Amino acid sequence: MSGAHFAFTDRWGGVSAAPYEELNLGGAVGDDPDAVRTNREIAAESLGLDPGRVVWMNQVHGNDVAVVDEPWGDRPVPEVDAVVTARRGLALAVLTADCTPVLLADPVAGIVAAAHAGRPGMVAGVVPAAVRAMTGLGADPARIVARTGPAVCGRCYEVPETMRAEVAAVEPAAHAETGWGTPAVDVSAGVHAQLARAGVLDRAQSPVCTLESRDHFSYRRDRTTGRLAGYVWLD
């Protein structure tokens, strides 16, 4: 798509042992660091990327955004939940295991972003913040292509009624009900509503529910488990 690339991993094809089997890409979940490093190399190379040219985040469920033009190298990885770059060939990555991974690209302006939208981040507006950071660099929301990856669906993300009410007061589109009739939150629906209000029209959502799919990691299902990754980059 005009040089824009989007990719989401599943859990297979890596070297991590149970309970992180196999392609765990998260470095802060208790897995062997050497296995995570190898998995990141496997994933990047399978996408034709240089593993050393992938920018990761220290995700904290907030709404801070970092604008980057190179990997962190030996510098501390900052606590942010979105990264934006105007550097073609630099890949941005987001880790999830039920939260919604959000990948954004304006191929004409040459600007991409990756955001981590869990329930707190969606409520805090991390995705609109990422769009604003992109437009600050010259992106046009009408040109931005948005892809959201595998995440827990609204039919499975059960929450207390008070929490659903608090979330829906900020983002009504996230109001949901489980398949068994109890209060729920649909984070991906909330993210897509926010993108629509920001003027992003070209949007697509993965049909995969991480809690339902054994091919994907799910924190709500397994607690101790690995992390999936979403990648976005421009040629």
Protein backbone atom coordinates (compact mmCIF):
# COMPACT_ATOMS: atom_id res chain seq x y z
CA MET A 1 0.00 0.00 0.00
CA SER A 2 2.10 2.89 -1.32
CA GLY A 3 5.07 1.56 0.59
CA ALA A 4 3.28 1.17 3.93
CA HIS A 5 3.64 -2.18 5.70
CA PHE A 6 1.63 -3.55 8.62
CA ALA A 7 2.24 -6.88 10.37
CA PHE A 8 0.91 -8.69 13.44
CA THR A 9 2.47 -11.82 14.91
CA ASP A 10 0.88 -14.92 16.38
CA ARG A 11 2.50 -17.11 19.02
CA TRP A 12 4.20 -19.71 16.79
CA GLY A 13 7.61 -20.08 15.20
CA GLY A 14 9.83 -18.97 18.08
CA VAL A 15 12.12 -20.56 20.65
CA SER A 16 10.54 -19.69 24.02
CA ALA A 17 9.56 -22.51 26.36
CA ALA A 18 6.23 -22.86 28.19
CA PRO A 19 4.39 -20.84 29.36
CA TYR A 20 5.78 -18.37 26.81
CA GLU A 21 5.76 -20.73 23.84
CA GLU A 22 6.79 -19.97 21.26
CA LEU A 23 7.22 -16.54 19.68
CA ASN A 24 7.15 -14.36 22.80
CA LEU A 25 8.39 -10.87 21.88
CA GLY A 26 7.90 -9.26 25.30
CA GLY A 27 11.02 -8.59 27.33
CA ALA A 28 9.34 -7.89 30.68
CA VAL A 29 7.18 -10.96 31.23
CA GLY A 30 9.68 -13.33 32.86
CA ASP A 31 10.91 -15.13 29.77
CA ASP A 32 14.60 -15.93 29.10
CA PRO A 33 16.10 -12.72 27.63
CA ASP A 34 18.14 -14.73 25.13
CA ALA A 35 14.96 -16.40 23.86
CA VAL A 36 13.23 -13.04 23.51
CA ARG A 37 16.21 -11.64 21.61
CA THR A 38 16.18 -14.63 19.26
CA ASN A 39 12.42 -14.34 18.77
CA ARG A 40 12.72 -10.66 17.89
CA GLU A 41 15.37 -11.54 15.34
CA ILE A 42 13.18 -14.30 13.87
CA ALA A 43 10.14 -12.01 13.64
CA ALA A 44 12.04 -9.09 12.13
CA GLU A 45 13.89 -11.19 9.58
CA SER A 46 10.67 -12.91 8.53
CA LEU A 47 9.35 -9.44 7.65
CA GLY A 48 12.51 -8.42 5.83
CA LEU A 49 13.49 -6.05 8.65
CA ASP A 50 16.82 -5.45 10.37
CA PRO A 51 16.20 -6.42 14.05
CA GLY A 52 18.43 -3.54 15.07
CA ARG A 53 16.17 -1.06 13.23
CA VAL A 54 13.01 -1.81 15.21
CA VAL A 55 11.88 0.70 17.85
CA TRP A 56 10.21 -0.77 20.95
CA MET A 57 8.45 0.95 23.86
CA ASN A 58 8.34 0.64 27.63
CA GLN A 59 4.54 0.54 27.72
CA VAL A 60 2.76 1.83 30.84
CA HIS A 61 -0.94 2.22 29.82
CA GLY A 62 -0.66 5.99 29.44
CA ASN A 63 -1.01 8.47 26.60
CA ASP A 64 2.53 9.76 26.14
CA VAL A 65 3.98 9.75 22.62
CA ALA A 66 7.63 9.72 21.54
CA VAL A 67 8.78 11.01 18.16
CA VAL A 68 11.81 9.00 17.06
CA ASP A 69 14.25 8.96 14.17
CA GLU A 70 16.50 6.09 15.25
CA PRO A 71 16.47 3.05 17.57
CA TRP A 72 17.15 3.67 21.27
CA GLY A 73 20.51 1.93 21.17
CA ASP A 74 22.08 2.03 24.63
CA ARG A 75 19.66 4.70 25.86
CA PRO A 76 16.87 3.78 28.29
CA VAL A 77 13.64 2.86 26.52
CA PRO A 78 11.14 5.56 27.55
CA GLU A 79 7.81 4.97 29.23
CA VAL A 80 5.45 5.77 26.37
CA ASP A 81 2.50 4.08 24.73
CA ALA A 82 2.93 5.44 21.21
CA VAL A 83 5.88 6.09 18.93
CA VAL A 84 5.90 8.14 15.73
CA THR A 85 8.56 8.49 13.06
CA ALA A 86 9.14 10.27 9.76
CA ARG A 87 12.14 8.06 9.03
CA ARG A 88 11.43 5.63 6.21
CA GLY A 89 12.77 2.15 6.80
CA LEU A 90 12.56 2.49 10.59
CA ALA A 91 10.05 -0.01 11.98
CA LEU A 92 7.90 0.75 15.03
CA ALA A 93 6.65 -2.06 17.26
CA VAL A 94 3.91 -2.42 19.87
CA LEU A 95 3.49 -5.34 22.30
CA THR A 96 0.12 -6.74 23.35
CA ALA A 97 -1.62 -9.76 24.85
CA ASP A 98 -5.29 -8.57 24.85
CA CYS A 99 -4.83 -4.81 24.48
CA THR A 100 -5.43 -3.30 21.05
CA PRO A 101 -2.32 -2.74 18.91
CA VAL A 102 -2.81 0.28 16.65
CA LEU A 103 -0.70 0.85 13.53
CA LEU A 104 -0.98 4.08 11.54
CA ALA A 105 0.64 5.28 8.32
CA ASP A 106 0.46 8.29 6.01
CA PRO A 107 2.48 6.98 3.06
CA VAL A 108 2.38 10.31 1.22
CA ALA A 109 3.89 12.28 4.11
CA GLY A 110 6.15 9.37 5.03
CA ILE A 111 4.99 9.19 8.65
CA VAL A 112 4.01 6.13 10.71
CA ALA A 113 2.95 5.45 14.29
CA ALA A 114 2.40 2.49 16.59
CA ALA A 115 0.23 2.74 19.70
CA HIS A 116 -0.63 0.49 22.64
CA ALA A 117 -4.30 0.92 23.52
CA GLY A 118 -5.44 -1.02 26.52
CA ARG A 119 -8.54 0.09 28.37
CA PRO A 120 -6.68 2.78 30.37
CA GLY A 121 -4.79 4.04 27.33
CA MET A 122 -7.90 4.17 25.19
CA VAL A 123 -9.68 6.17 27.90
CA ALA A 124 -6.64 8.45 28.24
CA GLY A 125 -6.65 9.11 24.50
CA VAL A 126 -3.34 7.58 23.43
CA VAL A 127 -4.58 7.00 19.88
CA PRO A 128 -5.78 10.58 19.26
CA ALA A 129 -2.48 11.72 20.78
CA ALA A 130 -0.59 9.60 18.24
CA VAL A 131 -2.64 11.07 15.38
CA ARG A 132 -1.91 14.58 16.63
CA ALA A 133 1.80 13.80 16.76
CA MET A 134 1.63 12.53 13.19
CA THR A 135 -0.19 15.64 11.96
CA GLY A 136 2.38 17.77 13.77
CA LEU A 137 4.98 16.22 11.47
CA GLY A 138 2.90 16.85 8.37
CA ALA A 139 0.52 13.88 8.14
CA ASP A 140 -3.06 14.36 6.95
CA PRO A 141 -5.69 12.34 8.87
CA ALA A 142 -7.61 11.85 5.63
CA ARG A 143 -4.58 10.01 4.21
CA ILE A 144 -3.78 7.98 7.34
CA VAL A 145 -4.29 4.24 7.02
CA ALA A 146 -5.15 2.54 10.35
CA ARG A 147 -4.92 -1.15 11.20
CA THR A 148 -5.77 -2.64 14.61
CA GLY A 149 -4.61 -6.12 15.44
CA PRO A 150 -5.69 -9.12 17.49
CA ALA A 151 -7.21 -8.07 20.82
CA VAL A 152 -9.74 -9.28 23.37
CA CYS A 153 -13.19 -8.65 21.93
CA GLY A 154 -16.12 -6.91 23.53
CA ARG A 155 -17.97 -10.22 23.92
CA CYS A 156 -15.17 -11.53 26.13
CA TYR A 157 -13.82 -8.52 28.04
CA GLU A 158 -15.99 -8.70 31.16
CA VAL A 159 -15.70 -5.80 33.62
CA PRO A 160 -17.67 -4.52 36.63
CA GLU A 161 -20.66 -2.35 35.76
CA THR A 162 -19.02 0.67 37.41
CA MET A 163 -15.96 0.28 35.18
CA ARG A 164 -18.05 -0.05 32.03
CA ALA A 165 -19.92 3.11 32.99
CA GLU A 166 -16.68 5.02 33.60
CA VAL A 167 -15.25 3.93 30.24
CA ALA A 168 -18.48 4.62 28.33
CA ALA A 169 -18.68 8.10 29.85
CA VAL A 170 -15.43 8.87 28.00
CA GLU A 171 -15.97 6.68 24.92
CA PRO A 172 -19.57 5.51 24.38
CA ALA A 173 -18.54 3.21 21.52
CA ALA A 174 -16.67 1.01 24.00
CA HIS A 175 -19.88 0.09 25.88
CA ALA A 176 -20.37 -3.65 25.38
CA GLU A 177 -21.95 -6.80 26.76
CA THR A 178 -20.36 -10.24 27.05
CA GLY A 179 -21.71 -13.24 25.24
CA TRP A 180 -23.25 -14.32 28.55
CA GLY A 181 -24.99 -11.01 29.21
CA THR A 182 -22.71 -9.21 31.69
CA PRO A 183 -21.06 -5.77 31.44
CA ALA A 184 -18.08 -5.56 29.08
CA VAL A 185 -15.78 -3.11 27.34
CA ASP A 186 -14.86 -3.19 23.64
CA VAL A 187 -11.52 -1.39 23.45
CA SER A 188 -11.08 -1.86 19.71
CA ALA A 189 -14.51 -0.35 19.03
CA GLY A 190 -13.52 2.61 21.18
CA VAL A 191 -10.26 3.03 19.30
CA HIS A 192 -12.00 2.98 15.92
CA ALA A 193 -14.52 5.58 17.11
CA GLN A 194 -11.65 7.81 18.22
CA LEU A 195 -9.91 7.38 14.87
CA ALA A 196 -13.10 8.24 13.02
CA ARG A 197 -13.50 11.45 15.02
CA ALA A 198 -9.88 12.31 14.25
CA GLY A 199 -10.67 12.09 10.53
CA VAL A 200 -9.05 8.71 9.86
CA LEU A 201 -11.33 6.99 7.37
CA ASP A 202 -9.24 4.08 6.04
CA ARG A 203 -9.50 1.67 8.98
CA ALA A 204 -9.51 -2.10 9.38
CA GLN A 205 -9.82 -4.28 12.47
CA SER A 206 -8.52 -7.81 12.97
CA PRO A 207 -11.31 -10.35 13.51
CA VAL A 208 -9.15 -12.28 16.00
CA CYS A 209 -10.09 -12.27 19.70
CA THR A 210 -6.94 -13.07 21.65
CA LEU A 211 -8.84 -14.64 24.54
CA GLU A 212 -10.66 -17.02 22.19
CA SER A 213 -7.68 -17.84 19.95
CA ARG A 214 -5.12 -20.38 21.15
CA ASP A 215 -2.84 -19.13 18.37
CA HIS A 216 -2.41 -15.85 20.26
CA PHE A 217 -1.21 -14.82 23.71
CA SER A 218 -3.90 -13.66 26.16
CA TYR A 219 -3.10 -12.21 29.57
CA ARG A 220 -6.73 -12.46 30.68
CA ARG A 221 -6.82 -16.15 29.79
CA ASP A 222 -3.39 -17.31 30.96
CA ARG A 223 -1.91 -14.53 33.16
CA THR A 224 1.70 -15.73 32.79
CA THR A 225 2.20 -15.68 29.05
CA GLY A 226 4.04 -14.06 26.16
CA ARG A 227 3.40 -10.96 24.09
CA LEU A 228 2.45 -10.49 20.45
CA ALA A 229 3.81 -7.64 18.36
CA GLY A 230 2.50 -5.31 15.70
CA TYR A 231 4.97 -3.69 13.29
CA VAL A 232 4.57 -0.72 10.97
CA TRP A 233 7.11 0.77 8.55
CA LEU A 234 7.49 2.53 5.23
CA ASP A 235 9.80 1.59 2.38
